[in-house]
PDB file of N, CA and C in Angstrom:
ATOM      1  N   MET A   1     -35.081 -29.841 -12.100  1.00  0.00           N
ATOM      2  CA  MET A   1     -36.291 -28.492 -11.941  1.00  0.00           C
ATOM      3  C   MET A   1     -35.425 -27.451 -11.739  1.00  0.00           C
ATOM      4  N   LYS A   2     -35.476 -26.118 -12.423  1.00  0.00           N
ATOM      5  CA  LYS A   2     -34.917 -25.111 -12.015  1.00  0.00           C
ATOM      6  C   LYS A   2     -35.649 -24.418 -10.941  1.00  0.00           C
ATOM      7  N   PHE A   3     -35.130 -23.694 -10.162  1.00  0.00           N
ATOM      8  CA  PHE A   3     -35.445 -22.936  -9.015  1.00  0.00           C
ATOM      9  C   PHE A   3     -36.591 -21.804  -9.134  1.00  0.00           C
ATOM     10  N   LYS A   4     -36.352 -21.462 -10.341  1.00  0.00           N
ATOM     11  CA  LYS A   4     -37.399 -20.324 -10.794  1.00  0.00           C
ATOM     12  C   LYS A   4     -38.550 -20.880 -10.854  1.00  0.00           C
ATOM     13  N   SER A   5     -38.860 -21.996 -11.689  1.00  0.00           N
ATOM     14  CA  SER A   5     -40.016 -22.551 -11.964  1.00  0.00           C
ATOM     15  C   SER A   5     -40.685 -23.275 -10.478  1.00  0.00           C
ATOM     16  N   LEU A   6     -39.785 -23.807  -9.655  1.00  0.00           N
ATOM     17  CA  LEU A   6     -40.078 -24.267  -8.401  1.00  0.00           C
ATOM     18  C   LEU A   6     -40.814 -23.101  -7.692  1.00  0.00           C
ATOM     19  N   TYR A   7     -40.255 -21.963  -7.625  1.00  0.00           N
ATOM     20  CA  TYR A   7     -40.736 -20.738  -6.490  1.00  0.00           C
ATOM     21  C   TYR A   7     -41.998 -20.373  -7.309  1.00  0.00           C
ATOM     22  N   ARG A   8     -42.129 -20.449  -8.721  1.00  0.00           N
ATOM     23  CA  ARG A   8     -43.349 -19.731  -9.093  1.00  0.00           C
ATOM     24  C   ARG A   8     -44.540 -20.860  -9.052  1.00  0.00           C
ATOM     25  N   ARG A   9     -43.957 -22.312  -8.900  1.00  0.00           N
ATOM     26  CA  ARG A   9     -45.380 -23.151  -8.465  1.00  0.00           C
ATOM     27  C   ARG A   9     -45.729 -22.853  -7.091  1.00  0.00           C
ATOM     28  N   LEU A  10     -44.813 -22.723  -6.088  1.00  0.00           N
ATOM     29  CA  LEU A  10     -45.097 -22.464  -4.851  1.00  0.00           C
ATOM     30  C   LEU A  10     -45.920 -21.078  -4.464  1.00  0.00           C
ATOM     31  N   LEU A  11     -45.605 -20.160  -5.376  1.00  0.00           N
ATOM     32  CA  LEU A  11     -46.354 -18.950  -5.336  1.00  0.00           C
ATOM     33  C   LEU A  11     -47.914 -19.015  -5.783  1.00  0.00           C
ATOM     34  N   VAL A  12     -47.894 -19.796  -6.881  1.00  0.00           N
ATOM     35  CA  VAL A  12     -49.367 -20.022  -7.446  1.00  0.00           C
ATOM     36  C   VAL A  12     -50.238 -20.912  -6.458  1.00  0.00           C
ATOM     37  N   SER A  13     -49.521 -22.066  -5.858  1.00  0.00           N
ATOM     38  CA  SER A  13     -50.071 -22.597  -5.107  1.00  0.00           C
ATOM     39  C   SER A  13     -50.602 -21.993  -3.799  1.00  0.00           C
ATOM     40  N   PHE A  14     -50.046 -21.432  -3.170  1.00  0.00           N
ATOM     41  CA  PHE A  14     -50.175 -20.384  -2.076  1.00  0.00           C
ATOM     42  C   PHE A  14     -51.131 -19.342  -2.235  1.00  0.00           C
ATOM     43  N   LEU A  15     -51.394 -18.574  -3.413  1.00  0.00           N
ATOM     44  CA  LEU A  15     -52.280 -17.796  -3.714  1.00  0.00           C
ATOM     45  C   LEU A  15     -53.547 -18.514  -4.018  1.00  0.00           C
ATOM     46  N   GLY A  16     -53.587 -19.813  -4.464  1.00  0.00           N
ATOM     47  CA  GLY A  16     -54.665 -20.284  -4.778  1.00  0.00           C
ATOM     48  C   GLY A  16     -55.187 -20.687  -3.419  1.00  0.00           C
ATOM     49  N   ILE A  17     -54.605 -20.977  -2.763  1.00  0.00           N
ATOM     50  CA  ILE A  17     -54.879 -21.672  -1.350  1.00  0.00           C
ATOM     51  C   ILE A  17     -55.596 -20.596  -0.636  1.00  0.00           C
ATOM     52  N   LEU A  18     -54.883 -19.398  -0.638  1.00  0.00           N
ATOM     53  CA  LEU A  18     -55.531 -18.269   0.109  1.00  0.00           C
ATOM     54  C   LEU A  18     -56.524 -17.599  -0.406  1.00  0.00           C
ATOM     55  N   PHE A  19     -56.927 -17.718  -1.820  1.00  0.00           N
ATOM     56  CA  PHE A  19     -58.295 -17.022  -2.210  1.00  0.00           C
ATOM     57  C   PHE A  19     -59.424 -18.237  -1.943  1.00  0.00           C
ATOM     58  N   VAL A  20     -59.051 -19.750  -1.909  1.00  0.00           N
ATOM     59  CA  VAL A  20     -59.972 -20.136  -1.946  1.00  0.00           C
ATOM     60  C   VAL A  20     -60.393 -20.401  -0.027  1.00  0.00           C
ATOM     61  N   THR A  21     -59.294 -20.401   0.679  1.00  0.00           N
ATOM     62  CA  THR A  21     -59.664 -20.111   2.079  1.00  0.00           C
ATOM     63  C   THR A  21     -60.718 -18.661   2.383  1.00  0.00           C
ATOM     64  N   ILE A  22     -60.276 -17.544   1.597  1.00  0.00           N
ATOM     65  CA  ILE A  22     -60.724 -16.362   2.051  1.00  0.00           C
ATOM     66  C   ILE A  22     -62.068 -16.485   1.577  1.00  0.00           C
ATOM     67  N   PHE A  23     -62.429 -17.181   0.251  1.00  0.00           N
ATOM     68  CA  PHE A  23     -63.776 -17.563  -0.237  1.00  0.00           C
ATOM     69  C   PHE A  23     -64.875 -18.392   0.961  1.00  0.00           C
ATOM     70  N   LEU A  24     -64.133 -19.342   1.468  1.00  0.00           N
ATOM     71  CA  LEU A  24     -64.802 -20.232   2.442  1.00  0.00           C
ATOM     72  C   LEU A  24     -65.126 -19.405   3.556  1.00  0.00           C
ATOM     73  N   ILE A  25     -64.243 -18.670   4.222  1.00  0.00           N
ATOM     74  CA  ILE A  25     -64.455 -17.734   5.376  1.00  0.00           C
ATOM     75  C   ILE A  25     -65.647 -16.848   5.143  1.00  0.00           C
ATOM     76  N   LEU A  26     -65.804 -16.136   4.236  1.00  0.00           N
ATOM     77  CA  LEU A  26     -66.913 -15.302   3.651  1.00  0.00           C
ATOM     78  C   LEU A  26     -68.141 -16.243   3.447  1.00  0.00           C
ATOM     79  N   ALA A  27     -68.146 -17.148   2.814  1.00  0.00           N
ATOM     80  CA  ALA A  27     -69.373 -18.063   2.628  1.00  0.00           C
ATOM     81  C   ALA A  27     -69.758 -18.514   3.886  1.00  0.00           C
ATOM     82  N   LEU A  28     -69.060 -19.025   4.901  1.00  0.00           N
ATOM     83  CA  LEU A  28     -69.591 -19.451   6.040  1.00  0.00           C
ATOM     84  C   LEU A  28     -69.882 -18.301   6.941  1.00  0.00           C
ATOM     85  N   PHE A  29     -69.264 -17.207   6.846  1.00  0.00           N
ATOM     86  CA  PHE A  29     -69.855 -16.059   7.661  1.00  0.00           C
ATOM     87  C   PHE A  29     -71.122 -15.570   7.283  1.00  0.00           C
ATOM     88  N   LEU A  30     -71.471 -15.552   5.807  1.00  0.00           N
ATOM     89  CA  LEU A  30     -72.542 -15.119   5.308  1.00  0.00           C
ATOM     90  C   LEU A  30     -73.726 -16.126   5.579  1.00  0.00           C
ATOM     91  N   GLY A  31     -73.271 -16.954   5.762  1.00  0.00           N
ATOM     92  CA  GLY A  31     -74.372 -18.192   5.836  1.00  0.00           C
ATOM     93  C   GLY A  31     -74.815 -18.480   7.444  1.00  0.00           C
ATOM     94  N   THR A  32     -73.993 -18.067   8.218  1.00  0.00           N
ATOM     95  CA  THR A  32     -74.192 -18.373   9.338  1.00  0.00           C
ATOM     96  C   THR A  32     -74.395 -17.183  10.398  1.00  0.00           C
ATOM     97  N   ALA A  33     -73.521 -16.233  10.538  1.00  0.00           N
ATOM     98  CA  ALA A  33     -73.505 -14.829  11.502  1.00  0.00           C
ATOM     99  C   ALA A  33     -74.362 -13.921  10.657  1.00  0.00           C
ATOM    100  N   GLY A  34     -74.355 -13.824   9.315  1.00  0.00           N
ATOM    101  CA  GLY A  34     -74.950 -12.978   8.468  1.00  0.00           C
ATOM    102  C   GLY A  34     -76.157 -12.789   8.552  1.00  0.00           C
ATOM    103  N   ARG A  35     -76.934 -14.094   8.792  1.00  0.00           N
ATOM    104  CA  ARG A  35     -78.271 -14.101   8.955  1.00  0.00           C
ATOM    105  C   ARG A  35     -78.892 -13.507  10.220  1.00  0.00           C
ATOM    106  N   GLY A  36     -78.319 -13.655  11.413  1.00  0.00           N
ATOM    107  CA  GLY A  36     -78.644 -12.884  12.724  1.00  0.00           C
ATOM    108  C   GLY A  36     -78.615 -11.432  12.280  1.00  0.00           C
ATOM    109  N   PHE A  37     -77.335 -10.984  11.768  1.00  0.00           N
ATOM    110  CA  PHE A  37     -76.881  -9.700  11.617  1.00  0.00           C
ATOM    111  C   PHE A  37     -78.132  -8.975  10.843  1.00  0.00           C
ATOM    112  N   ARG A  38     -78.509  -9.539   9.651  1.00  0.00           N
ATOM    113  CA  ARG A  38     -79.564  -9.182   8.691  1.00  0.00           C
ATOM    114  C   ARG A  38     -80.811  -9.015   9.404  1.00  0.00           C
ATOM    115  N   ASP A  39     -81.135  -9.988  10.131  1.00  0.00           N
ATOM    116  CA  ASP A  39     -82.490  -9.812  10.808  1.00  0.00           C
ATOM    117  C   ASP A  39     -82.621  -8.907  11.787  1.00  0.00           C
ATOM    118  N   ALA A  40     -81.433  -8.762  12.624  1.00  0.00           N
ATOM    119  CA  ALA A  40     -81.618  -7.604  13.610  1.00  0.00           C
ATOM    120  C   ALA A  40     -81.520  -6.151  12.843  1.00  0.00           C
ATOM    121  N   LEU A  41     -80.895  -6.008  11.668  1.00  0.00           N
ATOM    122  CA  LEU A  41     -81.155  -4.870  11.021  1.00  0.00           C
ATOM    123  C   LEU A  41     -82.400  -4.659  10.492  1.00  0.00           C
ATOM    124  N   GLU A  42     -83.053  -5.553  10.038  1.00  0.00           N
ATOM    125  CA  GLU A  42     -84.678  -5.466   9.399  1.00  0.00           C
ATOM    126  C   GLU A  42     -85.389  -5.345  10.392  1.00  0.00           C
ATOM    127  N   ASN A  43     -85.414  -5.912  11.698  1.00  0.00           N
ATOM    128  CA  ASN A  43     -86.143  -5.520  13.145  1.00  0.00           C
ATOM    129  C   ASN A  43     -86.142  -4.064  13.539  1.00  0.00           C
ATOM    130  N   GLN A  44     -84.557  -3.730  13.500  1.00  0.00           N
ATOM    131  CA  GLN A  44     -84.497  -2.323  13.614  1.00  0.00           C
ATOM    132  C   GLN A  44     -84.978  -1.226  12.689  1.00  0.00           C
ATOM    133  N   SER A  45     -84.816  -1.586  11.521  1.00  0.00           N
ATOM    134  CA  SER A  45     -85.423  -0.746  10.433  1.00  0.00           C
ATOM    135  C   SER A  45     -87.107  -0.697  10.379  1.00  0.00           C
ATOM    136  N   PHE A  46     -87.643  -1.960  10.672  1.00  0.00           N
ATOM    137  CA  PHE A  46     -89.371  -1.915  10.599  1.00  0.00           C
ATOM    138  C   PHE A  46     -89.577  -1.079  11.684  1.00  0.00           C
ATOM    139  N   GLY A  47     -89.051  -1.053  12.853  1.00  0.00           N
ATOM    140  CA  GLY A  47     -89.518  -0.424  14.156  1.00  0.00           C
ATOM    141  C   GLY A  47     -89.378   1.153  13.860  1.00  0.00           C
ATOM    142  N   LYS A  48     -88.298   1.592  13.234  1.00  0.00           N
ATOM    143  CA  LYS A  48     -88.112   2.994  13.195  1.00  0.00           C
ATOM    144  C   LYS A  48     -88.986   3.599  11.960  1.00  0.00           C
ATOM    145  N   PHE A  49     -89.434   2.370  11.145  1.00  0.00           N
ATOM    146  CA  PHE A  49     -90.484   2.844   9.800  1.00  0.00           C
ATOM    147  C   PHE A  49     -91.649   3.221  10.628  1.00  0.00           C
ATOM    148  N   LYS A  50     -92.251   2.306  11.341  1.00  0.00           N
ATOM    149  CA  LYS A  50     -93.182   2.216  12.241  1.00  0.00           C
ATOM    150  C   LYS A  50     -93.442   3.698  12.811  1.00  0.00           C
ATOM    151  N   ILE A  51     -92.334   4.154  13.573  1.00  0.00           N
ATOM    152  CA  ILE A  51     -92.371   5.218  14.610  1.00  0.00           C
ATOM    153  C   ILE A  51     -92.401   6.412  13.163  1.00  0.00           C
ATOM    154  N   PHE A  52     -91.882   6.502  12.320  1.00  0.00           N
ATOM    155  CA  PHE A  52     -91.805   7.551  11.251  1.00  0.00           C
ATOM    156  C   PHE A  52     -93.250   7.700  10.714  1.00  0.00           C
ATOM    157  N   ARG A  53     -93.892   6.395  10.397  1.00  0.00           N
ATOM    158  CA  ARG A  53     -95.353   6.487   9.835  1.00  0.00           C
ATOM    159  C   ARG A  53     -96.265   7.057  10.705  1.00  0.00           C
ATOM    160  N   GLU A  54     -96.238   6.826  12.182  1.00  0.00           N
ATOM    161  CA  GLU A  54     -96.998   7.232  13.028  1.00  0.00           C
ATOM    162  C   GLU A  54     -97.112   8.622  13.409  1.00  0.00           C
ATOM    163  N   SER A  55     -95.725   9.147  13.122  1.00  0.00           N
ATOM    164  CA  SER A  55     -95.344  10.614  13.338  1.00  0.00           C
ATOM    165  C   SER A  55     -95.736  11.396  12.160  1.00  0.00           C
ATOM    166  N   SER A  56     -95.696  10.799  11.050  1.00  0.00           N
ATOM    167  CA  SER A  56     -96.289  11.695   9.792  1.00  0.00           C
ATOM    168  C   SER A  56     -97.817  11.613   9.689  1.00  0.00           C
ATOM    169  N   ARG A  57     -98.342  10.618  10.216  1.00  0.00           N
ATOM    170  CA  ARG A  57     -99.974  10.544  10.312  1.00  0.00           C
ATOM    171  C   ARG A  57    -100.568  11.741  11.066  1.00  0.00           C
ATOM    172  N   LYS A  58     -99.535  11.933  12.518  1.00  0.00           N
ATOM    173  CA  LYS A  58    -100.206  12.871  13.347  1.00  0.00           C
ATOM    174  C   LYS A  58    -100.173  14.322  12.730  1.00  0.00           C
ATOM    175  N   LYS A  59     -99.207  14.740  12.036  1.00  0.00           N
ATOM    176  CA  LYS A  59     -99.030  15.804  11.397  1.00  0.00           C
ATOM    177  C   LYS A  59    -100.318  16.206  10.485  1.00  0.00           C
TER     178      LYS A  59
END
């Protein structure tokens, strides 16, 4: 086997494993920590919306 072919296979294998690992990390983050972050953001947004709505009614 030529060294050039071997190096190419190693590079492709490394890149494949790298992309799969990145995809898994993002999927796990969005599935676990992303939920809590999304919920906190919605709660803050809803609170700000209620304050805005009440202040616009007073005017």
